[in-house]
Amino acid sequence: MSKPTIGLLYGDAAGVGPELVAKAFSNKEILDAATWVLIGDERVFNRGADTVGKELNYQKVESIDDVKPENFSLWLIDTKSTDPADIEMGVLSVESGKAAGDNLMFALKLAKEEKLDGLTYAPMNKSALFKGGFEFKDDIHLVASVFGLESGFSEVNVMNDVWFTRVTSHIPLKEVAENITKQSVLDSINFASKIVSKAGITPKIAIAGLNPHAGDDGLLGNEENEIISPAIEEARKNGVDVHGPFPADTIFLRLDKEKYNCLLAMYHDQAQIGMKTMGFNKGVTISGGLPIVITTAAHGTAFDIAGKGIADPGAFEQALKLGVELINNGYN
């Protein structure tokens, strides 16, 4: 099997991304797993390497067409997008947000031209991207817009072989309940089943309730009885192995005990708090429902420790490995 060619971005130059890249690619197992194409400002990549005392041993090329997979594993296309002298580490800035978005658009253009098999990027900052001119509520909506998609996509997280997704995502908490409808829950169940199945896994899905104690049979809210349970029943009739709704405060205890491999939450933090507690340095985010495999670490830019060389590369390394695995298994 030939190795996939995967684009690699450092994310926000003011965050820990450049450091994570340098640490990850001191791991020979990762280096040898694919043909990697670093895309971004060469000076930022090298500042990250200097920060952690590592060396990025890459071949620099002007174009993706100059990459020769048979000759080398790590290549670099210098976008000259970010002068490190203009970026203060650990500080959100328009400049770093714009550069992160520009680098992402450059890589997505190559993906659309089928010159990359996938893409992994280190953490980006949503606010910096927005202020830098990429006016989307998150990076997956930016990516989806490039492929002309308005629906059918969502962030998916993977931790310890359990897949996590949610009915609502990056919206204010006060808007969650109004966005929980039978159709939105059913669509999310079907999405979760499809995404997990594409990874070669037979899905067994646990559904969280919206209200405390999953509504206590209507005492604490009717969404479970009137919306979520009917959606679950319809999905079951269509052959989906789905269970719930379960109280959110105990659903994570069920995952291993009852062998669920997918959790569908009603809102962002309902899934993310438990998932990240399971192992912050292992969580991966997948941009599910897109025509290309895109992975990143399931954590942010960590501005508070950026430039100190202490960032844990574990989640980013898992994102790199999972991206290779999904591509090799024909995920898309």
Protein backbone atom coordinates (compact mmCIF):
# COMPACT_ATOMS: atom_id res chain seq x y z
CA MET A 1 0.00 0.00 0.00
CA SER A 2 1.37 3.40 -0.95
CA LYS A 3 1.59 5.96 1.83
CA PRO A 4 -0.98 8.78 1.82
CA THR A 5 0.05 12.37 1.21
CA ILE A 6 -1.21 14.55 4.05
CA GLY A 7 -1.06 18.32 4.44
CA LEU A 8 0.06 19.57 7.83
CA LEU A 9 -0.58 23.03 9.32
CA TYR A 10 0.72 24.59 12.54
CA GLY A 11 -2.61 26.27 13.23
CA ASP A 12 -2.39 29.59 15.06
CA ALA A 13 1.21 30.82 15.12
CA ALA A 14 0.68 32.45 18.53
CA GLY A 15 -0.36 29.15 20.12
CA VAL A 16 1.30 25.83 20.86
CA GLY A 17 0.81 24.43 17.35
CA PRO A 18 4.34 24.98 16.00
CA GLU A 19 5.76 23.30 19.11
CA LEU A 20 3.43 20.32 18.74
CA VAL A 21 4.48 19.84 15.12
CA ALA A 22 8.17 19.75 16.05
CA LYS A 23 7.60 17.33 18.93
CA ALA A 24 5.36 15.02 16.90
CA PHE A 25 7.80 14.73 14.03
CA SER A 26 10.63 13.65 16.27
CA ASN A 27 8.57 10.44 16.45
CA LYS A 28 9.86 8.15 13.66
CA GLU A 29 6.67 6.07 13.67
CA ILE A 30 4.65 9.15 12.75
CA LEU A 31 7.22 10.44 10.29
CA ASP A 32 7.30 7.16 8.37
CA ALA A 33 3.51 6.68 8.30
CA ALA A 34 2.80 9.10 5.45
CA THR A 35 4.23 11.65 3.07
CA TRP A 36 3.75 14.85 5.05
CA VAL A 37 3.61 18.29 3.47
CA LEU A 38 4.14 21.15 5.91
CA ILE A 39 2.15 24.18 4.74
CA GLY A 40 2.83 27.54 6.35
CA ASP A 41 5.55 30.05 7.03
CA GLU A 42 8.92 28.32 7.32
CA ARG A 43 10.03 30.73 10.03
CA VAL A 44 7.10 29.77 12.27
CA PHE A 45 7.76 26.05 11.89
CA ASN A 46 11.38 26.62 12.80
CA ARG A 47 10.56 28.86 15.76
CA GLY A 48 8.43 26.05 17.14
CA ALA A 49 11.28 23.58 16.65
CA ASP A 50 13.74 25.91 18.36
CA THR A 51 11.36 26.37 21.28
CA VAL A 52 11.32 22.64 22.04
CA GLY A 53 14.92 21.92 21.03
CA LYS A 54 14.02 19.74 18.07
CA GLU A 55 14.99 19.80 14.40
CA LEU A 56 12.50 19.55 11.56
CA ASN A 57 14.33 17.66 8.85
CA TYR A 58 12.32 18.58 5.75
CA GLN A 59 12.83 19.14 2.04
CA LYS A 60 11.60 22.54 0.87
CA VAL A 61 9.69 22.78 -2.42
CA GLU A 62 7.92 25.52 -4.31
CA SER A 63 4.93 23.43 -5.34
CA ILE A 64 3.09 20.28 -4.33
CA ASP A 65 4.03 18.91 -7.75
CA ASP A 66 7.68 18.88 -6.64
CA VAL A 67 7.02 16.49 -3.76
CA LYS A 68 8.57 13.07 -4.40
CA PRO A 69 7.14 10.58 -1.89
CA GLU A 70 9.65 7.93 -2.83
CA ASN A 71 12.55 10.18 -1.83
CA PHE A 72 11.53 11.69 1.52
CA SER A 73 8.76 11.76 4.14
CA LEU A 74 8.66 15.40 5.24
CA TRP A 75 8.31 18.31 2.83
CA LEU A 76 7.60 22.01 3.24
CA ILE A 77 5.81 24.60 1.13
CA ASP A 78 6.65 28.05 2.53
CA THR A 79 3.58 30.29 2.29
CA LYS A 80 5.53 33.25 3.72
CA SER A 81 2.35 34.18 5.55
CA THR A 82 3.57 35.03 9.02
CA ASP A 83 6.64 36.91 10.20
CA PRO A 84 7.21 35.56 13.73
CA ALA A 85 8.54 38.99 14.72
CA ASP A 86 5.00 40.32 14.28
CA ILE A 87 3.35 37.60 16.40
CA GLU A 88 3.45 37.79 20.18
CA MET A 89 3.27 34.31 21.64
CA GLY A 90 0.17 33.62 23.67
CA VAL A 91 -1.73 36.66 22.44
CA LEU A 92 -4.78 36.50 20.19
CA SER A 93 -4.22 38.61 17.11
CA VAL A 94 -5.82 39.49 13.79
CA GLU A 95 -2.53 38.74 12.04
CA SER A 96 -2.14 35.19 13.35
CA GLY A 97 -5.84 34.47 12.71
CA LYS A 98 -5.65 35.67 9.14
CA ALA A 99 -2.47 33.68 8.49
CA ALA A 100 -3.99 30.51 9.95
CA GLY A 101 -7.02 30.91 7.70
CA ASP A 102 -4.89 31.68 4.65
CA ASN A 103 -2.78 28.57 5.22
CA LEU A 104 -5.92 26.47 5.62
CA MET A 105 -7.39 27.82 2.39
CA PHE A 106 -4.12 27.07 0.59
CA ALA A 107 -4.22 23.46 1.81
CA LEU A 108 -7.91 23.03 0.99
CA LYS A 109 -7.28 24.18 -2.57
CA LEU A 110 -4.71 21.39 -2.92
CA ALA A 111 -7.19 18.92 -1.42
CA LYS A 112 -9.90 19.94 -3.87
CA GLU A 113 -7.40 19.38 -6.67
CA GLU A 114 -6.86 15.87 -5.20
CA LYS A 115 -3.20 16.57 -4.53
CA LEU A 116 -3.60 15.81 -0.83
CA ASP A 117 -5.27 12.71 0.58
CA GLY A 118 -6.03 14.37 3.89
CA LEU A 119 -5.21 17.21 6.21
CA THR A 120 -4.18 17.55 9.85
CA TYR A 121 -3.81 20.87 11.57
CA ALA A 122 -2.66 21.97 14.99
CA PRO A 123 -5.12 24.03 17.05
CA MET A 124 -6.62 27.19 15.57
CA ASN A 125 -8.36 29.93 17.51
CA LYS A 126 -11.94 30.52 16.36
CA SER A 127 -12.00 34.14 17.50
CA ALA A 128 -8.68 34.92 15.80
CA LEU A 129 -9.90 33.32 12.57
CA PHE A 130 -13.08 35.40 12.71
CA LYS A 131 -11.22 38.63 13.40
CA GLY A 132 -8.75 37.74 10.65
CA GLY A 133 -11.53 37.84 8.07
CA PHE A 134 -12.82 34.25 8.12
CA GLU A 135 -16.25 35.02 9.49
CA PHE A 136 -17.48 31.56 10.44
CA LYS A 137 -18.44 30.34 13.90
CA ASP A 138 -15.82 27.61 13.71
CA ASP A 139 -13.25 26.09 11.40
CA ILE A 140 -15.44 23.20 10.20
CA HIS A 141 -17.97 25.67 8.79
CA LEU A 142 -15.11 27.43 7.02
CA VAL A 143 -13.96 24.13 5.52
CA ALA A 144 -17.51 23.13 4.57
CA SER A 145 -17.98 26.42 2.73
CA VAL A 146 -14.98 25.63 0.53
CA PHE A 147 -16.66 22.39 -0.51
CA GLY A 148 -20.03 24.09 -0.99
CA LEU A 149 -21.71 22.26 1.90
CA GLU A 150 -24.42 23.81 4.06
CA SER A 151 -25.42 20.74 6.10
CA GLY A 152 -24.57 17.10 6.76
CA PHE A 153 -21.28 17.80 8.54
CA SER A 154 -20.25 18.10 12.18
CA GLU A 155 -17.30 17.82 14.50
CA VAL A 156 -16.74 14.31 15.78
CA ASN A 157 -14.38 13.43 18.61
CA VAL A 158 -12.62 10.14 19.17
CA MET A 159 -11.24 9.01 22.53
CA ASN A 160 -10.25 5.47 23.50
CA ASP A 161 -12.17 3.99 20.54
CA VAL A 162 -15.37 5.82 21.53
CA TRP A 163 -16.83 8.32 19.07
CA PHE A 164 -18.57 11.46 20.32
CA THR A 165 -20.83 13.86 18.48
CA ARG A 166 -23.71 16.19 19.36
CA VAL A 167 -27.02 17.54 18.11
CA THR A 168 -26.00 21.19 18.68
CA SER A 169 -22.45 22.44 18.78
CA HIS A 170 -21.03 25.97 18.77
CA ILE A 171 -24.11 27.94 19.78
CA PRO A 172 -24.99 29.81 22.99
CA LEU A 173 -26.37 27.58 25.72
CA LYS A 174 -29.61 29.58 25.86
CA GLU A 175 -30.33 28.51 22.25
CA VAL A 176 -29.82 24.78 22.76
CA ALA A 177 -33.36 23.74 23.72
CA GLU A 178 -35.00 25.48 20.76
CA ASN A 179 -32.66 23.60 18.42
CA ILE A 180 -33.52 20.19 19.86
CA THR A 181 -36.26 18.87 17.56
CA LYS A 182 -37.24 15.36 16.61
CA GLN A 183 -35.75 15.92 13.16
CA SER A 184 -32.47 17.37 14.44
CA VAL A 185 -32.06 14.46 16.86
CA LEU A 186 -32.94 11.90 14.19
CA ASP A 187 -30.57 13.51 11.71
CA SER A 188 -27.80 13.44 14.33
CA ILE A 189 -28.42 9.78 15.13
CA ASN A 190 -28.21 8.90 11.44
CA PHE A 191 -25.08 11.03 11.06
CA ALA A 192 -23.41 9.32 14.02
CA SER A 193 -24.32 5.87 12.69
CA LYS A 194 -22.96 6.71 9.24
CA ILE A 195 -19.71 8.25 10.50
CA VAL A 196 -18.88 5.36 12.83
CA SER A 197 -19.81 2.77 10.20
CA LYS A 198 -17.49 4.43 7.67
CA ALA A 199 -14.64 3.78 10.09
CA GLY A 200 -15.37 0.07 9.86
CA ILE A 201 -17.08 -0.08 13.26
CA THR A 202 -20.56 -1.44 13.96
CA PRO A 203 -22.15 1.45 15.86
CA LYS A 204 -23.81 1.04 19.24
CA ILE A 205 -25.01 4.51 20.17
CA ALA A 206 -25.91 5.93 23.59
CA ILE A 207 -28.06 9.08 23.59
CA ALA A 208 -27.93 11.67 26.36
CA GLY A 209 -31.04 13.42 27.58
CA LEU A 210 -31.26 17.20 27.58
CA ASN A 211 -32.60 17.80 31.09
CA PRO A 212 -31.37 16.75 34.56
CA HIS A 213 -32.18 13.08 35.19
CA ALA A 214 -33.25 12.86 31.53
CA GLY A 215 -36.36 14.83 32.45
CA ASP A 216 -37.58 12.55 35.28
CA ASP A 217 -40.53 11.44 33.13
CA GLY A 218 -41.57 15.01 32.41
CA LEU A 219 -41.08 16.43 35.90
CA LEU A 220 -37.92 18.31 34.85
CA GLY A 221 -38.69 18.80 31.18
CA ASN A 222 -40.59 17.17 28.34
CA GLU A 223 -37.95 17.07 25.60
CA GLU A 224 -37.02 13.47 26.40
CA ASN A 225 -40.59 12.17 26.16
CA GLU A 226 -41.80 14.35 23.32
CA ILE A 227 -38.70 14.75 21.11
CA ILE A 228 -35.70 12.56 21.91
CA SER A 229 -37.43 9.23 22.61
CA PRO A 230 -39.60 9.41 19.46
CA ALA A 231 -36.47 10.10 17.38
CA ILE A 232 -34.75 7.10 18.96
CA GLU A 233 -37.72 4.85 18.22
CA GLU A 234 -37.81 5.92 14.60
CA ALA A 235 -34.08 5.31 14.24
CA ARG A 236 -34.48 1.84 15.73
CA LYS A 237 -37.21 1.04 13.24
CA ASN A 238 -34.69 1.96 10.53
CA GLY A 239 -32.16 -0.51 11.94
CA VAL A 240 -29.92 1.77 14.01
CA ASP A 241 -28.64 0.27 17.29
CA VAL A 242 -29.40 3.28 19.51
CA HIS A 243 -30.30 3.51 23.22
CA GLY A 244 -31.48 6.13 25.66
CA PRO A 245 -32.07 8.86 26.46
CA PHE A 246 -29.83 8.47 29.52
CA PRO A 247 -29.12 11.06 32.21
CA ALA A 248 -26.06 12.99 31.14
CA ASP A 249 -24.47 12.84 34.59
CA THR A 250 -24.12 9.04 34.40
CA ILE A 251 -23.91 8.36 30.68
CA PHE A 252 -20.11 8.20 30.69
CA LEU A 253 -20.26 5.40 33.27
CA ARG A 254 -22.31 3.37 30.79
CA LEU A 255 -19.84 3.60 27.93
CA ASP A 256 -17.47 0.87 29.06
CA LYS A 257 -19.92 -1.08 31.19
CA GLU A 258 -22.48 -1.49 28.40
CA LYS A 259 -19.96 -1.39 25.51
CA TYR A 260 -21.22 1.66 23.65
CA ASN A 261 -18.81 2.92 20.99
CA CYS A 262 -20.62 6.19 20.23
CA LEU A 263 -22.16 8.87 22.43
CA LEU A 264 -24.56 11.44 21.01
CA ALA A 265 -24.95 14.48 23.26
CA MET A 266 -27.48 17.26 23.00
CA TYR A 267 -24.95 20.08 23.29
CA HIS A 268 -21.23 20.80 23.19
CA ASP A 269 -20.09 20.67 26.82
CA GLN A 270 -22.33 17.72 27.66
CA ALA A 271 -19.99 15.57 25.58
CA GLN A 272 -16.74 17.51 25.76
CA ILE A 273 -16.33 17.74 29.53
CA GLY A 274 -16.57 13.99 30.02
CA MET A 275 -14.58 13.17 26.90
CA LYS A 276 -11.68 15.43 27.83
CA THR A 277 -11.69 14.14 31.40
CA MET A 278 -11.17 10.65 29.99
CA GLY A 279 -7.79 11.73 28.66
CA PHE A 280 -7.05 15.28 27.59
CA ASN A 281 -3.85 14.26 25.82
CA LYS A 282 -5.56 11.63 23.63
CA GLY A 283 -8.66 13.26 22.17
CA VAL A 284 -8.96 13.80 18.42
CA THR A 285 -11.41 15.94 16.48
CA ILE A 286 -12.54 14.76 13.04
CA SER A 287 -14.37 17.01 10.60
CA GLY A 288 -17.11 14.50 9.88
CA GLY A 289 -19.22 14.54 6.74
CA LEU A 290 -16.66 16.26 4.51
CA PRO A 291 -15.17 14.84 1.30
CA ILE A 292 -11.68 14.75 2.81
CA VAL A 293 -10.23 13.35 6.04
CA ILE A 294 -9.38 16.25 8.35
CA THR A 295 -8.17 15.71 11.92
CA THR A 296 -6.89 17.91 14.72
CA ALA A 297 -6.23 17.67 18.44
CA ALA A 298 -9.36 18.03 20.57
CA HIS A 299 -7.97 20.99 22.47
CA GLY A 300 -7.28 24.64 21.85
CA THR A 301 -4.31 26.88 21.20
CA ALA A 302 -3.26 26.97 24.90
CA PHE A 303 -2.14 30.59 24.77
CA ASP A 304 -1.27 30.41 28.48
CA ILE A 305 1.66 28.05 27.84
CA ALA A 306 2.54 28.95 24.24
CA GLY A 307 6.24 29.48 23.65
CA LYS A 308 7.27 27.67 26.83
CA GLY A 309 8.00 24.32 25.17
CA ILE A 310 5.90 22.35 27.67
CA ALA A 311 2.82 21.54 25.59
CA ASP A 312 1.90 17.84 25.57
CA PRO A 313 1.87 16.54 21.96
CA GLY A 314 -0.19 13.46 22.80
CA ALA A 315 -3.53 14.53 21.33
CA PHE A 316 -1.88 15.99 18.24
CA GLU A 317 0.05 12.77 17.69
CA GLN A 318 -3.18 10.81 17.97
CA ALA A 319 -4.75 13.13 15.38
CA LEU A 320 -1.89 12.43 12.98
CA LYS A 321 -2.12 8.67 13.49
CA LEU A 322 -5.90 8.55 13.20
CA GLY A 323 -5.79 10.60 10.00
CA VAL A 324 -3.43 8.09 8.42
CA GLU A 325 -5.54 5.16 9.64
CA LEU A 326 -8.79 6.59 8.30
CA ILE A 327 -7.29 7.40 4.90
CA ASN A 328 -5.72 3.95 4.62
CA ASN A 329 -9.08 2.37 5.48
CA GLY A 330 -10.85 4.33 2.76
CA TYR A 331 -12.84 6.44 5.22
CA ASN A 332 -14.06 8.83 2.55
